[in-house]
Protein backbone atom coordinates (compact mmCIF):
# COMPACT_ATOMS: atom_id res chain seq x y z
CA MET A 1 150.09 75.86 146.44
CA ASN A 2 147.53 72.81 146.62
CA LYS A 3 144.72 73.20 144.11
CA LYS A 4 143.25 70.43 146.05
CA GLN A 5 142.21 72.30 149.32
CA SER A 6 139.32 73.95 150.04
CA ASN A 7 138.78 77.17 148.85
CA VAL A 8 136.83 80.18 148.93
CA TYR A 9 134.87 82.40 146.46
CA GLU A 10 133.79 85.74 148.27
CA VAL A 11 130.39 87.45 147.15
CA HIS A 12 130.86 91.40 148.39
CA THR A 13 127.52 93.16 148.32
CA LEU A 14 128.64 96.81 148.86
CA THR A 15 126.06 99.81 147.71
CA ASP A 16 126.60 103.17 149.96
CA VAL A 17 129.83 102.68 151.67
CA PRO A 18 132.36 101.60 149.51
CA VAL A 19 134.87 99.34 151.08
CA ILE A 20 135.15 96.56 153.46
CA PHE A 21 137.16 96.68 156.67
CA HIS A 22 137.89 94.52 159.35
CA HIS A 23 141.02 93.61 161.83
CA ASP A 24 141.77 90.25 161.50
CA LEU A 25 144.95 87.86 162.08
CA ALA A 26 146.05 84.37 161.13
CA CYS A 27 147.39 81.76 162.90
CA ARG A 28 149.28 78.56 161.03
CA SER A 29 147.12 78.74 157.54
CA ARG A 30 144.03 80.23 156.63
CA ARG A 31 141.88 78.50 154.15
CA ALA A 32 142.31 80.44 150.67
CA ASN A 33 139.85 82.74 149.08
CA TRP A 34 139.74 84.86 146.46
CA HIS A 35 137.25 87.77 144.60
CA GLU A 36 137.18 90.27 142.17
CA ASN A 37 137.78 93.18 144.45
CA VAL A 38 141.57 94.33 145.39
CA GLU A 39 142.08 93.50 148.81
CA ILE A 40 144.89 95.68 150.63
CA LEU A 41 146.58 94.36 153.95
CA LEU A 42 148.41 96.64 156.48
CA PHE A 43 150.26 93.79 158.88
CA THR A 44 150.11 95.35 162.64
CA LYS A 45 152.06 93.02 164.85
CA GLY A 46 153.81 89.67 164.41
CA GLU A 47 155.60 87.63 161.31
CA GLY A 48 153.91 85.70 158.58
CA ALA A 49 153.09 85.52 154.47
CA VAL A 50 150.45 86.08 152.04
CA VAL A 51 150.38 83.50 149.54
CA CYS A 52 148.71 84.30 146.05
CA GLU A 53 148.46 81.50 143.60
CA ASP A 54 151.59 79.62 143.96
CA CYS A 55 153.75 82.67 144.80
CA ARG A 56 154.78 83.37 148.61
CA THR A 57 155.52 86.71 149.88
CA ASP A 58 156.97 87.29 153.50
CA VAL A 59 155.46 89.97 155.51
CA THR A 60 156.37 92.04 158.97
CA ALA A 61 154.92 94.46 161.46
CA GLY A 62 154.64 97.40 158.86
CA ASP A 63 153.84 96.04 155.73
CA ILE A 64 151.01 96.43 152.99
CA CYS A 65 150.50 93.99 151.17
CA VAL A 66 148.08 94.26 147.87
CA ILE A 67 146.19 91.13 146.31
CA ASP A 68 145.39 91.68 142.60
CA SER A 69 141.54 90.88 141.72
CA ASN A 70 140.73 87.19 141.06
CA LEU A 71 143.86 85.86 142.55
CA LEU A 72 143.36 82.86 145.07
CA HIS A 73 145.39 84.17 148.04
CA ARG A 74 145.81 83.34 152.20
CA VAL A 75 147.59 84.28 155.16
CA GLU A 76 149.84 82.23 157.32
CA SER A 77 152.23 81.91 160.11
CA GLU A 78 154.38 80.06 162.31
CA ASP A 79 153.30 81.57 165.35
CA ILE A 80 150.74 84.71 164.76
CA VAL A 81 150.38 87.72 162.54
CA PHE A 82 147.97 90.58 163.37
CA TYR A 83 146.65 92.64 160.28
CA ASP A 84 143.97 95.00 159.16
CA CYS A 85 142.16 93.84 155.78
CA LEU A 86 140.60 96.66 153.52
CA ILE A 87 138.92 95.55 150.52
CA VAL A 88 137.56 98.23 147.89
CA ASP A 89 134.43 98.13 145.20
CA GLU A 90 135.19 97.64 141.97
CA THR A 91 132.61 99.17 140.48
CA PHE A 92 132.74 102.54 142.80
CA CYS A 93 136.87 102.53 141.48
CA GLN A 94 135.77 102.49 137.60
CA LYS A 95 132.97 105.22 138.09
CA ASN A 96 135.67 107.22 139.41
CA GLY A 97 138.28 106.35 136.41
CA LEU A 98 140.57 103.57 137.85
CA TYR A 99 140.28 100.35 136.59
CA PRO A 100 142.49 98.00 139.16
CA ASN A 101 141.09 94.75 137.81
CA THR A 102 143.32 95.50 134.72
CA ALA A 103 146.48 96.08 136.90
CA SER A 104 148.89 94.16 138.63
CA PHE A 105 150.09 95.45 141.70
CA THR A 106 153.38 95.79 144.10
CA ARG A 107 152.97 92.94 146.21
CA ARG A 108 155.01 94.02 149.12
CA ILE A 109 154.96 97.56 150.31
CA ARG A 110 156.74 100.19 152.86
CA SER A 111 155.51 103.29 152.66
CA ALA A 112 154.96 105.71 155.62
CA GLU A 113 152.63 107.90 153.09
CA LEU A 114 150.70 104.97 151.68
CA THR A 115 149.99 103.93 155.81
CA ASP A 116 148.78 106.93 156.35
CA GLN A 117 146.43 106.78 153.77
CA TYR A 118 145.30 103.23 154.42
CA ASN A 119 144.32 104.22 158.26
CA LYS A 120 142.07 107.29 157.15
CA VAL A 121 140.14 105.14 155.23
CA ALA A 122 140.19 102.62 158.23
CA ALA A 123 139.29 105.51 160.84
CA ALA A 124 136.30 107.07 158.39
CA PHE A 125 135.14 103.38 157.77
CA GLU A 126 135.00 102.63 161.65
CA SER A 127 133.97 106.59 162.67
CA GLU A 128 129.82 107.85 163.66
CA ASP A 129 130.53 111.27 162.23
CA PRO A 130 127.24 112.01 160.34
CA PHE A 131 129.82 112.58 156.93
CA ARG A 132 130.87 108.85 157.14
CA THR A 133 129.73 107.87 153.87
CA ALA A 134 131.26 110.60 151.93
CA GLU A 135 134.87 110.33 154.25
CA VAL A 136 135.19 106.51 153.43
CA ARG A 137 134.78 107.26 149.77
CA ALA A 138 136.88 110.22 149.33
CA SER A 139 139.57 108.43 151.28
CA ALA A 140 139.59 105.14 149.73
CA LEU A 141 139.65 106.88 145.87
CA SER A 142 142.90 108.85 147.29
CA LEU A 143 144.32 105.77 148.48
CA MET A 144 143.51 103.79 145.26
CA VAL A 145 144.58 106.68 142.92
CA ALA A 146 148.19 106.46 144.83
CA LEU A 147 148.24 102.73 144.80
CA MET A 148 147.61 102.65 140.48
CA ARG A 149 149.80 105.89 140.33
CA GLY A 150 152.73 104.16 142.08
CA PHE A 151 152.39 101.34 142.70
CA SER A 152 151.08 98.90 140.02
CA HIS A 153 151.70 98.22 136.19
CA PRO A 154 149.29 96.82 133.09
CA ALA A 155 147.89 93.13 133.97
CA ASN A 156 148.06 90.42 130.91
CA ILE A 157 144.35 89.71 131.64
CA ALA A 158 144.08 87.00 129.54
CA GLU A 159 147.56 85.27 131.40
CA LYS A 160 146.00 86.12 134.51
CA ASP A 161 142.90 84.21 134.05
CA SER A 162 144.70 81.54 131.73
CA ASN A 163 144.32 78.79 134.75
CA SER A 164 140.82 79.43 135.40
CA PRO A 165 137.84 79.61 133.17
CA ILE A 166 135.56 80.07 135.58
CA ARG A 167 137.51 83.43 137.11
CA ALA A 168 137.18 84.40 133.06
CA ALA A 169 133.49 83.59 133.15
CA ILE A 170 132.62 85.83 136.41
CA GLY A 171 134.65 88.62 134.88
CA TYR A 172 132.67 88.10 131.80
CA ILE A 173 129.43 88.24 133.69
CA ARG A 174 130.34 91.13 135.43
CA SER A 175 130.93 92.99 132.17
CA HIS A 176 127.81 91.93 130.19
CA TYR A 177 125.38 91.40 132.96
CA ALA A 178 122.79 93.94 131.22
CA GLU A 179 122.73 91.17 127.91
CA PRO A 180 121.21 88.41 127.41
CA LEU A 181 123.34 85.52 129.05
CA ASP A 182 122.80 82.03 129.04
CA LEU A 183 125.32 78.87 129.62
CA ASP A 184 125.76 77.77 125.89
CA ARG A 185 127.48 81.54 125.60
CA LEU A 186 129.12 81.38 128.70
CA ALA A 187 130.97 78.15 128.17
CA SER A 188 131.98 79.22 124.62
CA GLU A 189 133.14 82.48 125.94
CA VAL A 190 135.91 80.57 127.72
CA LYS A 191 136.60 77.65 125.63
CA VAL A 192 134.92 74.76 127.58
CA SER A 193 132.12 72.41 127.23
CA LYS A 194 128.85 73.30 128.71
CA TYR A 195 128.55 70.40 131.05
CA HIS A 196 132.10 70.79 132.39
CA PHE A 197 131.60 74.46 132.83
CA ILE A 198 128.16 74.01 135.01
CA ARG A 199 130.01 71.78 137.16
CA LYS A 200 133.07 73.57 137.54
CA PHE A 201 131.44 76.79 138.57
CA LYS A 202 129.52 75.14 140.91
CA GLU A 203 132.79 73.74 142.68
CA ALA A 204 134.35 76.86 141.97
CA THR A 205 131.96 79.51 143.96
CA GLY A 206 129.42 76.98 145.51
CA GLN A 207 126.43 78.89 143.21
CA THR A 208 125.04 77.90 140.37
CA VAL A 209 125.76 80.19 137.21
CA ILE A 210 122.24 81.52 136.54
CA SER A 211 122.53 82.06 140.78
CA TYR A 212 125.37 84.20 140.43
CA ILE A 213 124.13 86.25 137.27
CA ASN A 214 121.31 86.88 139.23
CA THR A 215 123.37 87.91 142.53
CA VAL A 216 125.72 90.32 140.29
CA ARG A 217 122.30 91.94 138.43
CA VAL A 218 120.73 92.83 142.14
CA GLU A 219 123.96 94.29 143.25
CA HIS A 220 123.81 96.93 140.46
CA ALA A 221 119.82 97.38 140.46
CA GLU A 222 120.35 97.90 144.19
CA ARG A 223 122.58 100.85 143.09
CA LEU A 224 120.36 102.56 140.55
CA LEU A 225 117.35 101.87 142.74
CA ARG A 226 119.37 104.06 145.52
CA GLU A 227 120.34 106.59 143.22
CA GLY A 228 117.09 107.27 141.98
CA GLY A 229 115.62 108.53 138.62
CA ARG A 230 114.03 104.69 137.37
CA SER A 231 111.57 102.88 137.72
CA VAL A 232 111.65 99.18 138.77
CA ALA A 233 111.04 98.49 135.52
CA GLU A 234 113.73 100.73 133.85
CA VAL A 235 116.05 99.10 136.53
CA ALA A 236 115.36 95.68 135.64
CA GLU A 237 115.68 96.12 131.98
CA ALA A 238 119.26 97.89 132.48
CA CYS A 239 120.17 95.13 134.41
CA GLY A 240 119.47 92.35 132.41
CA PHE A 241 116.17 90.78 133.79
CA ILE A 242 113.72 89.41 130.93
CA SER A 243 110.47 90.81 133.41
CA HIS A 244 109.51 93.54 135.85
CA SER A 245 107.83 90.22 137.77
CA TYR A 246 111.19 88.12 137.36
CA PHE A 247 113.36 90.79 139.08
CA SER A 248 111.26 91.79 141.79
CA LYS A 249 110.94 88.01 142.63
CA VAL A 250 114.87 87.65 142.43
CA PHE A 251 115.35 90.81 144.33
CA TYR A 252 113.02 89.69 147.16
CA ARG A 253 114.64 86.33 147.26
CA LEU A 254 118.22 88.02 147.64
CA ARG A 255 117.51 91.13 149.97
CA GLY A 256 114.49 90.14 151.71
CA VAL A 257 112.86 93.33 150.61
CA LEU A 258 110.95 94.18 147.16
CA PRO A 259 112.68 96.89 144.39
CA SER A 260 109.83 98.90 145.21
CA GLU A 261 110.49 99.39 148.83
CA ILE A 262 114.12 100.37 147.90
CA ARG A 263 113.32 103.03 145.56
CA GLU A 264 110.79 104.67 148.27
């Protein structure tokens, strides 16, 4: 893959409904993107290919394509290919004892049973049923269990991130967001100079390092606030913020409301 093309790092903000779902299509080549969450594509019409890093997988209607976390990927077609896109929240999986970020999945799958499970998630997501959230959660968990059980094997995480210190840094931030994080520590963890790290992080994600750390912390803080049982100050401390006032300021800038309003 041409590493000089304009790639996109996606930040997914997921709360009660732990998936993103939409219908999509590709004509020629889509711009490559990457993110921490596993992405599952179901191709519905036409022919094309999924390119992950430097590996190309041809696909046609009826195929399921699973894209591992943190892989740069794009969909392309000589004509036009239609597909559904499902992204499942990593944190939701981990809370239920599944760790897809430590797995490598079979890239192309033909399975009527798995397709049926996939379509149940899609139907639940698009429904207006009062129990929609619970149904999405249950069907998404069932789908991920089937994928982990039948179509995955342990990944060599160090090898998976060896070509990208930035991806390794993002993984570290998401695992250690509640701890004190500074640029020297992060650069040391991924074994690059601090100033090289700062520049490359902004190029790869479109955000500064501090901005991304705050985004991750607010994401987790919002979950805790919605769950209830903790004060705003306790949530701020649990998510790594140095003060209640700074937490409120950052939360308002990213969410447009104060953390106290979410808690209420």
